[in-house]
Amino acid sequence: SGSTWTQEAILDGSLGTTTNGRAADCFGSSISADLNIIAVGVRFHDFDAIGSSSVSNAGAVFIYTRSGSTWTLRQKLVNTGTNARANNSFGASTDVSEDLLFVGSPRYSFDSTGSNSISSAGIVYVYSWTGSSYTKQAALISQGTNGRKVNEFFGSDVKYSNKLLVVSSLNSFDEIGSSSVNNAGAVFIYSHSGTNVADWTFLRKVTGFGTNGRVASDQL
């Protein structure tokens, strides 16, 4: 209010759920907000959407909505599907924009179909709000030559704006996938095309450039 910040609420993983909500979860691993919506990543959360089935460090995202000064849990989101959960750090990164939600799972080892395992290659999921729940619309993986590598951690960070999605990773290769510098890092850019939320196009990969632009463990 004016020049004063006033605490409005405390969100700690217990609001709206009383089942296996907090122990060693790292609640707040990532935070993103848009208008009256907050998405909170909990990368080490072990339990499913109802707090029962346990898978170590599977991860989760808690989405809250605000009415007046009251915050309410809209949905607890966990990954689903083939090979969906074990040690995936789902929610390590998040970004919410109106009805779209982006979730990074940098330790996920499989491709968008849940097969072709490469340890901690990483993945990013796109969800849309359907009026009653968030529904998975797309799964994006690293692209190009040498695009999916061991311990790439694709999805370590995600940012969305104006139909462009930017995803960070520890990919060691340059923009054309040839010259390798260990963990130099890279950013992958995707665009949303058409009216279907599932339609995403890979635009380009960006790496460091110039003198000493790419050095070991740069983590661009």
Protein backbone atom coordinates (compact mmCIF):
# COMPACT_ATOMS: atom_id res chain seq x y z
CA SER A 1 0.00 0.00 0.00
CA GLY A 2 1.76 3.15 -1.16
CA SER A 3 5.37 2.74 -0.04
CA THR A 4 4.57 0.05 2.54
CA TRP A 5 4.61 -3.71 2.02
CA THR A 6 2.08 -5.59 4.13
CA GLN A 7 2.01 -9.34 4.66
CA GLU A 8 -1.23 -10.67 3.24
CA ALA A 9 -0.86 -14.44 3.58
CA ILE A 10 1.54 -17.27 4.27
CA LEU A 11 1.49 -20.14 1.79
CA ASP A 12 3.42 -23.15 3.05
CA GLY A 13 1.97 -26.24 1.42
CA SER A 14 -0.55 -26.87 4.18
CA LEU A 15 -3.27 -24.56 2.82
CA GLY A 16 -5.99 -26.67 1.29
CA THR A 17 -4.31 -29.99 2.04
CA THR A 18 -3.46 -31.81 5.25
CA THR A 19 -1.89 -34.93 3.75
CA ASN A 20 1.89 -35.21 3.44
CA GLY A 21 2.23 -31.54 2.57
CA ARG A 22 5.55 -30.29 3.88
CA ALA A 23 8.40 -32.50 5.15
CA ALA A 24 11.68 -31.75 3.30
CA ASP A 25 9.74 -30.60 0.24
CA CYS A 26 11.57 -27.33 -0.52
CA PHE A 27 8.22 -25.62 -0.95
CA GLY A 28 8.89 -22.48 -2.99
CA SER A 29 11.67 -23.98 -5.15
CA SER A 30 10.12 -21.81 -7.85
CA ILE A 31 7.46 -19.11 -7.76
CA SER A 32 5.57 -17.38 -10.55
CA ALA A 33 2.56 -15.08 -10.48
CA ASP A 34 0.09 -13.51 -12.87
CA LEU A 35 -2.69 -11.23 -11.64
CA ASN A 36 -4.44 -13.25 -8.90
CA ILE A 37 -2.73 -16.59 -9.54
CA ILE A 38 0.43 -17.93 -7.92
CA ALA A 39 2.17 -21.16 -8.92
CA VAL A 40 4.58 -22.58 -6.36
CA GLY A 41 7.03 -25.32 -7.31
CA VAL A 42 7.90 -27.99 -4.74
CA ARG A 43 10.68 -29.92 -6.43
CA PHE A 44 11.25 -32.52 -3.68
CA HIS A 45 7.63 -33.32 -2.86
CA ASP A 46 7.15 -37.11 -2.82
CA PHE A 47 3.40 -37.60 -2.94
CA ASP A 48 0.71 -37.62 -5.61
CA ALA A 49 -2.18 -35.17 -6.03
CA ILE A 50 -4.13 -36.63 -3.11
CA GLY A 51 -1.11 -37.08 -0.86
CA SER A 52 -0.93 -40.86 -0.96
CA SER A 53 1.35 -42.65 -3.45
CA SER A 54 4.97 -41.77 -2.62
CA VAL A 55 7.79 -41.47 -5.16
CA SER A 56 11.04 -39.90 -3.91
CA ASN A 57 11.59 -36.30 -5.08
CA ALA A 58 8.94 -36.56 -7.78
CA GLY A 59 7.95 -32.91 -7.33
CA ALA A 60 4.67 -31.00 -7.46
CA VAL A 61 3.20 -27.58 -8.20
CA PHE A 62 0.63 -25.88 -5.96
CA ILE A 63 -1.55 -23.30 -7.72
CA TYR A 64 -3.35 -20.68 -5.63
CA THR A 65 -5.94 -18.07 -6.55
CA ARG A 66 -6.70 -14.82 -4.77
CA SER A 67 -10.08 -13.34 -3.97
CA GLY A 68 -9.86 -10.11 -2.01
CA SER A 69 -7.13 -10.85 0.50
CA THR A 70 -7.81 -14.59 0.67
CA TRP A 71 -5.68 -17.18 -1.12
CA THR A 72 -7.20 -20.57 -1.94
CA LEU A 73 -5.55 -23.69 -3.28
CA ARG A 74 -6.90 -24.18 -6.80
CA GLN A 75 -5.02 -27.37 -7.61
CA LYS A 76 -2.07 -29.49 -6.59
CA LEU A 77 -0.44 -30.66 -9.80
CA VAL A 78 1.87 -33.66 -10.20
CA ASN A 79 3.24 -35.30 -13.29
CA THR A 80 1.31 -38.21 -14.75
CA GLY A 81 1.88 -40.76 -17.49
CA THR A 82 4.58 -43.29 -18.36
CA ASN A 83 7.71 -42.96 -16.20
CA ALA A 84 6.26 -39.72 -14.92
CA ARG A 85 7.56 -39.19 -11.40
CA ALA A 86 10.69 -40.81 -9.91
CA ASN A 87 13.32 -38.17 -8.92
CA ASN A 88 12.09 -35.79 -11.60
CA SER A 89 12.09 -32.50 -9.64
CA PHE A 90 8.80 -31.56 -11.29
CA GLY A 91 8.20 -27.91 -10.38
CA ALA A 92 11.85 -26.90 -10.19
CA SER A 93 10.77 -24.06 -12.48
CA THR A 94 7.34 -22.58 -13.17
CA ASP A 95 5.74 -19.76 -15.10
CA VAL A 96 2.06 -18.89 -15.16
CA SER A 97 0.39 -16.59 -17.68
CA GLU A 98 -3.37 -16.20 -17.62
CA ASP A 99 -4.71 -19.71 -18.40
CA LEU A 100 -1.32 -21.20 -19.28
CA LEU A 101 1.07 -22.90 -16.86
CA PHE A 102 4.62 -24.03 -17.69
CA VAL A 103 6.44 -26.51 -15.48
CA GLY A 104 10.07 -27.57 -15.73
CA SER A 105 11.13 -31.06 -14.70
CA PRO A 106 14.91 -30.91 -15.18
CA ARG A 107 15.70 -34.36 -13.78
CA TYR A 108 13.17 -36.14 -15.96
CA SER A 109 15.04 -38.74 -18.02
CA PHE A 110 12.54 -39.62 -20.75
CA ASP A 111 11.20 -38.00 -23.91
CA SER A 112 7.68 -36.65 -24.46
CA THR A 113 6.31 -40.19 -24.87
CA GLY A 114 7.89 -41.48 -21.67
CA SER A 115 10.50 -43.58 -23.47
CA ASN A 116 14.10 -43.15 -24.77
CA SER A 117 15.79 -42.69 -21.40
CA ILE A 118 18.69 -40.26 -21.00
CA SER A 119 19.49 -39.55 -17.35
CA SER A 120 18.30 -36.07 -16.25
CA ALA A 121 17.90 -34.81 -19.82
CA GLY A 122 14.91 -32.76 -18.63
CA ILE A 123 11.53 -31.74 -19.99
CA VAL A 124 9.03 -28.85 -19.86
CA TYR A 125 5.27 -29.33 -19.69
CA VAL A 126 2.59 -26.95 -20.92
CA TYR A 127 -0.78 -26.94 -19.13
CA SER A 128 -3.95 -24.97 -19.76
CA TRP A 129 -6.76 -24.13 -17.35
CA THR A 130 -9.99 -25.69 -18.63
CA GLY A 131 -12.30 -24.05 -16.12
CA SER A 132 -12.05 -26.83 -13.54
CA SER A 133 -8.47 -28.12 -13.73
CA TYR A 134 -5.09 -27.77 -15.42
CA THR A 135 -4.72 -30.15 -18.35
CA LYS A 136 -1.41 -31.17 -19.92
CA GLN A 137 -1.26 -29.90 -23.51
CA ALA A 138 2.35 -30.38 -24.58
CA ALA A 139 5.71 -31.76 -23.48
CA LEU A 140 8.83 -30.03 -24.82
CA ILE A 141 12.32 -31.51 -24.90
CA SER A 142 15.72 -30.22 -25.97
CA GLN A 143 16.07 -30.00 -29.75
CA GLY A 144 18.77 -30.26 -32.42
CA THR A 145 22.04 -32.14 -32.76
CA ASN A 146 23.27 -33.24 -29.33
CA GLY A 147 20.11 -31.70 -27.94
CA ARG A 148 19.30 -34.34 -25.30
CA LYS A 149 22.33 -35.30 -23.24
CA VAL A 150 23.00 -36.82 -19.81
CA ASN A 151 22.57 -34.26 -16.99
CA GLU A 152 21.44 -31.51 -19.32
CA PHE A 153 18.70 -30.46 -16.87
CA PHE A 154 16.55 -28.96 -19.61
CA GLY A 155 13.82 -26.98 -17.86
CA SER A 156 15.99 -25.61 -15.06
CA ASP A 157 14.21 -22.32 -15.73
CA VAL A 158 11.24 -21.32 -17.91
CA LYS A 159 9.91 -17.92 -18.96
CA TYR A 160 6.91 -17.16 -21.18
CA SER A 161 5.87 -13.88 -22.79
CA ASN A 162 3.97 -12.89 -25.91
CA LYS A 163 3.74 -16.46 -27.29
CA LEU A 164 7.46 -17.10 -26.78
CA LEU A 165 8.76 -19.68 -24.32
CA VAL A 166 12.40 -19.63 -23.21
CA VAL A 167 13.89 -22.72 -21.55
CA SER A 168 17.33 -22.94 -19.95
CA SER A 169 19.57 -26.01 -19.71
CA LEU A 170 23.16 -27.07 -19.02
CA ASN A 171 23.63 -28.30 -22.59
CA SER A 172 27.36 -28.37 -23.39
CA PHE A 173 27.18 -27.88 -27.16
CA ASP A 174 27.10 -24.77 -29.32
CA GLU A 175 24.14 -23.62 -31.40
CA ILE A 176 24.74 -26.16 -34.16
CA GLY A 177 25.50 -28.98 -31.73
CA SER A 178 29.17 -29.47 -32.59
CA SER A 179 31.71 -27.73 -30.33
CA SER A 180 31.41 -29.01 -26.75
CA VAL A 181 32.27 -27.12 -23.54
CA ASN A 182 31.18 -28.92 -20.38
CA ASN A 183 28.03 -27.40 -18.89
CA ALA A 184 28.46 -24.18 -20.87
CA GLY A 185 24.69 -23.85 -20.91
CA ALA A 186 22.13 -22.95 -23.52
CA VAL A 187 18.69 -21.41 -23.95
CA PHE A 188 16.05 -22.95 -26.20
CA ILE A 189 13.30 -20.76 -27.66
CA TYR A 190 9.86 -22.01 -28.70
CA SER A 191 6.89 -20.18 -30.16
CA HIS A 192 3.20 -20.84 -29.77
CA SER A 193 1.61 -21.01 -33.20
CA GLY A 194 -2.06 -21.23 -34.10
CA THR A 195 -4.98 -21.49 -31.72
CA ASN A 196 -4.24 -24.95 -30.34
CA VAL A 197 -2.41 -24.79 -27.00
CA ALA A 198 -0.52 -27.96 -27.97
CA ASP A 199 1.11 -26.34 -31.03
CA TRP A 200 4.67 -25.27 -30.21
CA THR A 201 7.49 -24.69 -32.69
CA PHE A 202 11.19 -24.79 -31.85
CA LEU A 203 12.78 -21.55 -33.11
CA ARG A 204 16.42 -21.64 -32.09
CA LYS A 205 19.07 -22.48 -29.53
CA VAL A 206 21.14 -19.64 -28.04
CA THR A 207 24.55 -20.04 -26.40
CA GLY A 208 27.24 -17.69 -25.14
CA PHE A 209 29.33 -15.92 -27.79
CA GLY A 210 32.30 -13.64 -28.17
CA THR A 211 35.68 -13.86 -26.43
CA ASN A 212 35.42 -16.34 -23.58
CA GLY A 213 31.70 -16.48 -24.27
CA ARG A 214 31.50 -20.20 -23.56
CA VAL A 215 33.55 -21.65 -20.72
CA ALA A 216 33.18 -24.79 -18.63
CA SER A 217 30.32 -24.65 -16.10
CA ASP A 218 29.17 -21.30 -17.52
CA GLN A 219 25.51 -22.34 -17.04
CA LEU A 220 24.12 -19.75 -19.42
